């Protein structure tokens, strides 16, 4: 086999590998982590953005569907909101926080995912929930009410 062909093939392989690795690094650097294990002490308030609070469970299929939807549709919320997410199935502190916040709202803890935006509460997530979530995101982006701030001030 011609050494020029082998060299060209090797150069092509190296360039291809560098390109693929670069894409992976870029994708990971620009990806927004939706489902984290925040705690109440991690919550911040930004004058320019409202907060979304998500109570979720590690292993919850509906929580995963919500994560994928929010990651795939950042244009719906990224400019107006920041997300704080609290894992409740394996984190007793966050499980208690969810119970306490829901009691503060005079509601029963109905499971995960539970999404709090402004004064709206959405429990569960499926393709049937997309219109409701989009409506809430649109209606609450100018709301002054923040449930976690109100909960902390009680």
Protein backbone atom coordinates (compact mmCIF):
# COMPACT_ATOMS: atom_id res chain seq x y z
CA UNK A 1 0.00 0.00 0.00
CA UNK A 2 1.24 3.48 -0.82
CA UNK A 3 2.69 5.29 2.23
CA UNK A 4 1.05 8.54 1.10
CA UNK A 5 -2.37 6.91 1.29
CA UNK A 6 -1.62 5.51 4.75
CA UNK A 7 -0.39 8.92 5.97
CA UNK A 8 -3.44 10.66 4.52
CA UNK A 9 -5.72 8.10 6.18
CA UNK A 10 -3.98 8.54 9.55
CA UNK A 11 -4.19 12.33 9.29
CA UNK A 12 -7.87 12.05 8.43
CA UNK A 13 -8.44 9.78 11.46
CA UNK A 14 -6.64 12.15 13.82
CA UNK A 15 -8.55 15.18 12.50
CA UNK A 16 -11.84 13.28 12.78
CA UNK A 17 -11.12 12.21 16.37
CA UNK A 18 -10.12 15.76 17.36
CA UNK A 19 -13.31 17.07 15.75
CA UNK A 20 -15.55 14.56 17.59
CA UNK A 21 -13.83 15.20 20.94
CA UNK A 22 -14.22 18.95 20.37
CA UNK A 23 -17.94 18.54 19.72
CA UNK A 24 -18.40 16.50 22.91
CA UNK A 25 -16.49 19.07 24.97
CA UNK A 26 -18.47 21.94 23.43
CA UNK A 27 -21.79 20.16 24.02
CA UNK A 28 -20.94 19.47 27.66
CA UNK A 29 -19.72 23.03 28.20
CA UNK A 30 -22.91 24.57 26.81
CA UNK A 31 -25.37 22.09 28.30
CA UNK A 32 -27.55 23.42 31.09
CA UNK A 33 -27.91 21.00 33.97
CA UNK A 34 -31.61 20.90 34.80
CA UNK A 35 -31.89 18.26 37.51
CA UNK A 36 -29.26 18.96 40.13
CA UNK A 37 -29.31 18.31 43.84
CA UNK A 38 -29.68 21.88 45.05
CA UNK A 39 -30.55 22.72 48.63
CA UNK A 40 -32.43 25.70 50.03
CA UNK A 41 -29.09 27.41 50.80
CA UNK A 42 -28.25 27.30 47.06
CA UNK A 43 -31.26 29.40 46.06
CA UNK A 44 -30.43 32.88 44.82
CA UNK A 45 -32.65 35.66 43.57
CA UNK A 46 -31.82 37.57 40.41
CA UNK A 47 -33.50 40.90 39.62
CA UNK A 48 -33.69 39.99 35.95
CA UNK A 49 -34.85 36.37 36.25
CA UNK A 50 -37.57 34.53 38.10
CA UNK A 51 -36.96 31.17 39.73
CA UNK A 52 -38.29 27.78 38.77
CA UNK A 53 -38.22 25.18 41.55
CA UNK A 54 -38.34 21.51 40.66
CA UNK A 55 -38.73 18.75 43.22
CA UNK A 56 -37.66 15.52 41.53
CA UNK A 57 -36.67 11.93 42.24
CA UNK A 58 -33.57 10.16 40.99
CA UNK A 59 -34.98 7.37 38.82
CA UNK A 60 -38.35 9.05 38.22
CA UNK A 61 -39.28 8.59 34.55
CA UNK A 62 -41.57 11.65 34.49
CA UNK A 63 -38.78 13.76 36.02
CA UNK A 64 -36.47 12.59 33.26
CA UNK A 65 -39.08 13.53 30.64
CA UNK A 66 -39.32 17.01 32.21
CA UNK A 67 -35.53 17.35 32.15
CA UNK A 68 -35.35 16.42 28.48
CA UNK A 69 -38.17 18.83 27.60
CA UNK A 70 -36.56 21.75 29.45
CA UNK A 71 -33.13 21.00 27.94
CA UNK A 72 -34.59 20.76 24.44
CA UNK A 73 -36.62 23.96 24.85
CA UNK A 74 -34.31 26.40 26.63
CA UNK A 75 -35.69 29.15 24.40
CA UNK A 76 -38.93 28.98 26.44
CA UNK A 77 -37.31 29.83 29.76
CA UNK A 78 -33.58 30.62 29.65
CA UNK A 79 -33.96 34.40 29.23
CA UNK A 80 -36.55 34.82 31.98
CA UNK A 81 -35.84 32.05 34.52
CA UNK A 82 -33.18 30.23 36.48
CA UNK A 83 -33.81 26.70 37.72
CA UNK A 84 -33.24 25.24 41.16
CA UNK A 85 -33.91 21.53 41.49
CA UNK A 86 -34.16 19.46 44.64
CA UNK A 87 -33.73 15.68 44.55
CA UNK A 88 -36.18 14.26 47.10
CA UNK A 89 -36.02 10.46 46.84
CA UNK A 90 -32.51 10.08 48.22
CA UNK A 91 -32.05 13.40 50.00
CA UNK A 92 -34.01 13.56 53.27
CA UNK A 93 -33.38 17.30 53.68
CA UNK A 94 -34.93 18.05 50.29
CA UNK A 95 -37.79 15.62 50.92
CA UNK A 96 -38.61 17.52 54.11
CA UNK A 97 -38.28 20.84 52.25
CA UNK A 98 -40.81 19.64 49.69
CA UNK A 99 -43.23 18.58 52.43
CA UNK A 100 -42.78 21.92 54.23
CA UNK A 101 -43.20 24.03 51.08
CA UNK A 102 -46.30 22.12 50.05
CA UNK A 103 -47.75 22.52 53.58
CA UNK A 104 -46.95 26.25 53.34
CA UNK A 105 -48.98 26.31 50.14
CA UNK A 106 -51.73 24.36 51.94
CA UNK A 107 -51.34 21.52 49.48
CA UNK A 108 -50.58 17.86 49.81
CA UNK A 109 -47.26 16.52 48.57
CA UNK A 110 -48.41 14.63 45.47
CA UNK A 111 -45.02 13.34 44.31
CA UNK A 112 -42.47 14.11 41.67
CA UNK A 113 -41.89 16.01 39.62
CA UNK A 114 -43.44 19.02 41.26
CA UNK A 115 -42.70 22.32 39.54
CA UNK A 116 -43.21 25.67 41.29
CA UNK A 117 -43.16 28.84 39.21
CA UNK A 118 -44.44 32.07 40.74
CA UNK A 119 -47.69 31.11 42.43
CA UNK A 120 -48.32 28.12 40.12
CA UNK A 121 -47.82 24.47 41.06
CA UNK A 122 -47.63 21.71 38.46
CA UNK A 123 -47.43 18.10 39.60
CA UNK A 124 -46.28 15.39 37.21
CA UNK A 125 -45.10 15.68 33.65
CA UNK A 126 -46.10 14.02 30.38
CA UNK A 127 -46.76 15.10 26.82
CA UNK A 128 -50.18 16.22 28.08
CA UNK A 129 -48.44 18.66 30.48
CA UNK A 130 -46.48 20.58 27.86
CA UNK A 131 -49.20 23.14 27.11
CA UNK A 132 -49.76 23.72 30.84
CA UNK A 133 -46.04 24.21 31.50
CA UNK A 134 -45.69 26.58 28.55
CA UNK A 135 -48.70 28.59 29.75
CA UNK A 136 -47.25 28.84 33.26
CA UNK A 137 -43.85 29.92 31.94
CA UNK A 138 -45.46 32.65 29.86
CA UNK A 139 -47.87 33.88 32.55
CA UNK A 140 -45.42 33.87 35.45
CA UNK A 141 -42.39 35.52 33.86
CA UNK A 142 -43.58 38.96 35.05
CA UNK A 143 -44.85 37.76 38.43
CA UNK A 144 -43.35 39.32 41.52
CA UNK A 145 -44.27 36.33 43.69
CA UNK A 146 -41.61 33.75 44.54
CA UNK A 147 -42.85 30.82 46.60
CA UNK A 148 -39.45 29.99 48.10
CA UNK A 149 -38.85 33.59 49.13
CA UNK A 150 -42.31 33.70 50.73
CA UNK A 151 -41.63 30.35 52.43
CA UNK A 152 -38.32 31.58 53.84
CA UNK A 153 -39.88 34.83 55.09
CA UNK A 154 -42.72 33.14 57.00
